[in-house]
């Protein structure tokens, strides 16, 4: 079995994401960013997330012109 690749997002990207939402309820996080609450908590804490999730998230942020 292959080890999962992990990726850290830049703190300024996470700060920008935080500024977009009004609360941190799971449904708000999912609607705005397409990620689950556990992933959001990892991002807020500066922890790495799965590389594939980070790629999809960055594509979504670019599409929505948040970054």
N, C-alpha and C. Protein backbone atom coordinates (compact mmCIF):
# COMPACT_ATOMS: atom_id res chain seq x y z
N UNK A 1 0.85 -1.19 0.00
CA UNK A 1 0.00 0.00 0.00
C UNK A 1 0.89 1.25 0.00
N UNK A 2 0.50 2.21 -0.81
CA UNK A 2 1.27 3.43 -0.97
C UNK A 2 0.91 4.45 0.11
N UNK A 3 1.90 5.17 0.59
CA UNK A 3 1.65 6.22 1.58
C UNK A 3 0.95 7.40 0.91
N UNK A 4 0.03 8.02 1.62
CA UNK A 4 -0.69 9.18 1.08
C UNK A 4 0.23 10.39 1.04
N UNK A 5 0.11 11.14 -0.05
CA UNK A 5 0.83 12.41 -0.14
C UNK A 5 0.03 13.47 0.61
N UNK A 6 0.72 14.26 1.39
CA UNK A 6 0.06 15.32 2.15
C UNK A 6 0.59 16.67 1.69
N UNK A 7 -0.24 17.68 1.81
CA UNK A 7 0.09 19.02 1.37
C UNK A 7 -0.37 20.04 2.41
N UNK A 8 0.47 21.04 2.65
CA UNK A 8 0.10 22.16 3.50
C UNK A 8 -0.37 23.31 2.61
N UNK A 9 -1.41 23.99 3.02
CA UNK A 9 -1.84 25.21 2.33
C UNK A 9 -1.19 26.40 3.02
N UNK A 10 -0.91 27.40 2.25
CA UNK A 10 -0.31 28.62 2.80
C UNK A 10 -1.27 29.27 3.80
N UNK A 11 -0.75 29.77 4.91
CA UNK A 11 -1.61 30.41 5.92
C UNK A 11 -2.45 31.56 5.38
N UNK A 12 -1.92 32.31 4.40
CA UNK A 12 -2.71 33.42 3.85
C UNK A 12 -3.92 32.93 3.06
N UNK A 13 -3.82 31.75 2.46
CA UNK A 13 -4.96 31.18 1.74
C UNK A 13 -6.04 30.78 2.74
N UNK A 14 -5.62 30.15 3.84
CA UNK A 14 -6.58 29.75 4.88
C UNK A 14 -7.22 30.99 5.49
N UNK A 15 -6.44 32.04 5.70
CA UNK A 15 -6.99 33.29 6.25
C UNK A 15 -8.03 33.88 5.30
N UNK A 16 -7.76 33.82 3.99
CA UNK A 16 -8.72 34.33 3.01
C UNK A 16 -10.00 33.50 3.04
N UNK A 17 -9.85 32.18 3.15
CA UNK A 17 -11.02 31.30 3.24
C UNK A 17 -11.84 31.65 4.48
N UNK A 18 -11.15 31.86 5.60
CA UNK A 18 -11.84 32.19 6.85
C UNK A 18 -12.62 33.49 6.73
N UNK A 19 -12.08 34.44 5.97
CA UNK A 19 -12.75 35.74 5.83
C UNK A 19 -14.02 35.67 4.99
N UNK A 20 -14.16 34.61 4.20
CA UNK A 20 -15.32 34.46 3.30
C UNK A 20 -16.55 33.93 4.03
N UNK A 21 -16.33 33.14 5.07
CA UNK A 21 -17.46 32.49 5.74
C UNK A 21 -17.88 33.28 6.97
N UNK A 22 -19.16 33.15 7.31
CA UNK A 22 -19.69 33.87 8.47
C UNK A 22 -19.74 32.99 9.71
N UNK A 23 -19.75 31.68 9.51
CA UNK A 23 -19.70 30.75 10.63
C UNK A 23 -18.99 29.48 10.16
N UNK A 24 -18.70 28.59 11.08
CA UNK A 24 -17.93 27.41 10.73
C UNK A 24 -18.74 26.12 10.88
N UNK A 25 -20.01 26.21 10.55
CA UNK A 25 -20.86 25.02 10.57
C UNK A 25 -20.46 24.12 9.41
N UNK A 26 -20.58 22.80 9.59
CA UNK A 26 -20.18 21.87 8.52
C UNK A 26 -20.83 22.16 7.17
N UNK A 27 -22.12 22.49 7.18
CA UNK A 27 -22.80 22.74 5.91
C UNK A 27 -22.29 24.00 5.22
N UNK A 28 -21.87 24.99 5.99
CA UNK A 28 -21.32 26.23 5.41
C UNK A 28 -19.96 25.93 4.78
N UNK A 29 -19.13 25.19 5.49
CA UNK A 29 -17.80 24.82 4.98
C UNK A 29 -17.95 24.00 3.70
N UNK A 30 -18.86 23.03 3.71
CA UNK A 30 -19.07 22.18 2.54
C UNK A 30 -19.57 22.98 1.36
N UNK A 31 -20.52 23.88 1.60
CA UNK A 31 -21.09 24.68 0.51
C UNK A 31 -20.06 25.61 -0.10
N UNK A 32 -19.28 26.29 0.73
CA UNK A 32 -18.32 27.26 0.22
C UNK A 32 -17.09 26.63 -0.40
N UNK A 33 -16.58 25.57 0.23
CA UNK A 33 -15.27 25.06 -0.17
C UNK A 33 -15.27 23.61 -0.66
N UNK A 34 -16.36 22.89 -0.44
CA UNK A 34 -16.41 21.51 -0.89
C UNK A 34 -15.55 20.57 -0.07
N UNK A 35 -15.29 20.93 1.19
CA UNK A 35 -14.50 20.08 2.08
C UNK A 35 -15.30 19.81 3.35
N UNK A 36 -14.91 18.78 4.06
CA UNK A 36 -15.58 18.44 5.30
C UNK A 36 -15.01 19.22 6.48
N UNK A 37 -15.70 19.13 7.58
CA UNK A 37 -15.29 19.85 8.79
C UNK A 37 -13.92 19.39 9.28
N UNK A 38 -13.64 18.10 9.23
CA UNK A 38 -12.34 17.61 9.69
C UNK A 38 -11.20 18.21 8.87
N UNK A 39 -11.40 18.32 7.57
CA UNK A 39 -10.38 18.94 6.72
C UNK A 39 -10.23 20.41 7.06
N UNK A 40 -11.33 21.09 7.30
CA UNK A 40 -11.29 22.51 7.67
C UNK A 40 -10.53 22.70 8.98
N UNK A 41 -10.77 21.84 9.95
CA UNK A 41 -10.06 21.94 11.23
C UNK A 41 -8.56 21.77 11.01
N UNK A 42 -8.17 20.81 10.18
CA UNK A 42 -6.75 20.60 9.88
C UNK A 42 -6.15 21.85 9.25
N UNK A 43 -6.86 22.45 8.31
CA UNK A 43 -6.36 23.66 7.66
C UNK A 43 -6.20 24.79 8.67
N UNK A 44 -7.20 24.99 9.51
CA UNK A 44 -7.12 26.06 10.52
C UNK A 44 -5.95 25.86 11.46
N UNK A 45 -5.63 24.60 11.76
CA UNK A 45 -4.53 24.29 12.69
C UNK A 45 -3.17 24.24 11.99
N UNK A 46 -3.15 24.50 10.68
CA UNK A 46 -1.89 24.50 9.94
C UNK A 46 -1.36 23.11 9.62
N UNK A 47 -2.24 22.13 9.70
CA UNK A 47 -1.83 20.75 9.42
C UNK A 47 -1.99 20.44 7.93
N UNK A 48 -1.30 19.39 7.51
CA UNK A 48 -1.37 18.95 6.12
C UNK A 48 -2.68 18.20 5.87
N UNK A 49 -3.14 18.29 4.63
CA UNK A 49 -4.31 17.54 4.18
C UNK A 49 -3.89 16.69 2.98
N UNK A 50 -4.74 15.74 2.61
CA UNK A 50 -4.42 14.90 1.44
C UNK A 50 -4.18 15.78 0.22
N UNK A 51 -3.18 15.41 -0.54
CA UNK A 51 -2.78 16.18 -1.71
C UNK A 51 -3.94 16.30 -2.71
N UNK A 52 -4.67 15.22 -2.92
CA UNK A 52 -5.78 15.25 -3.88
C UNK A 52 -6.87 16.23 -3.43
N UNK A 53 -7.12 16.29 -2.13
CA UNK A 53 -8.11 17.23 -1.60
C UNK A 53 -7.60 18.66 -1.77
N UNK A 54 -6.32 18.86 -1.50
CA UNK A 54 -5.73 20.20 -1.65
C UNK A 54 -5.82 20.68 -3.10
N UNK A 55 -5.55 19.78 -4.04
CA UNK A 55 -5.65 20.15 -5.46
C UNK A 55 -7.06 20.57 -5.83
N UNK A 56 -8.05 19.78 -5.42
CA UNK A 56 -9.44 20.11 -5.74
C UNK A 56 -9.86 21.42 -5.07
N UNK A 57 -9.41 21.62 -3.84
CA UNK A 57 -9.75 22.83 -3.12
C UNK A 57 -9.14 24.05 -3.81
N UNK A 58 -7.89 23.96 -4.22
CA UNK A 58 -7.24 25.09 -4.89
C UNK A 58 -7.93 25.40 -6.23
N UNK A 59 -8.32 24.37 -6.95
CA UNK A 59 -9.06 24.59 -8.20
C UNK A 59 -10.38 25.31 -7.93
N UNK A 60 -11.06 24.89 -6.88
CA UNK A 60 -12.34 25.53 -6.54
C UNK A 60 -12.13 26.98 -6.12
N UNK A 61 -11.11 27.24 -5.31
CA UNK A 61 -10.82 28.61 -4.88
C UNK A 61 -10.47 29.51 -6.06
N UNK A 62 -9.71 28.96 -7.00
CA UNK A 62 -9.37 29.74 -8.21
C UNK A 62 -10.62 29.98 -9.05
N UNK A 63 -11.44 28.96 -9.22
CA UNK A 63 -12.67 29.08 -10.00
C UNK A 63 -13.58 30.15 -9.40
N UNK A 64 -13.68 30.15 -8.06
CA UNK A 64 -14.54 31.12 -7.37
C UNK A 64 -13.84 32.46 -7.13
N UNK A 65 -12.63 32.58 -7.66
CA UNK A 65 -11.81 33.80 -7.57
C UNK A 65 -11.56 34.24 -6.14
N UNK A 66 -11.33 33.26 -5.27
CA UNK A 66 -10.99 33.57 -3.87
C UNK A 66 -9.49 33.70 -3.68
N UNK A 67 -8.73 33.18 -4.65
CA UNK A 67 -7.28 33.33 -4.58
C UNK A 67 -6.76 33.79 -5.92
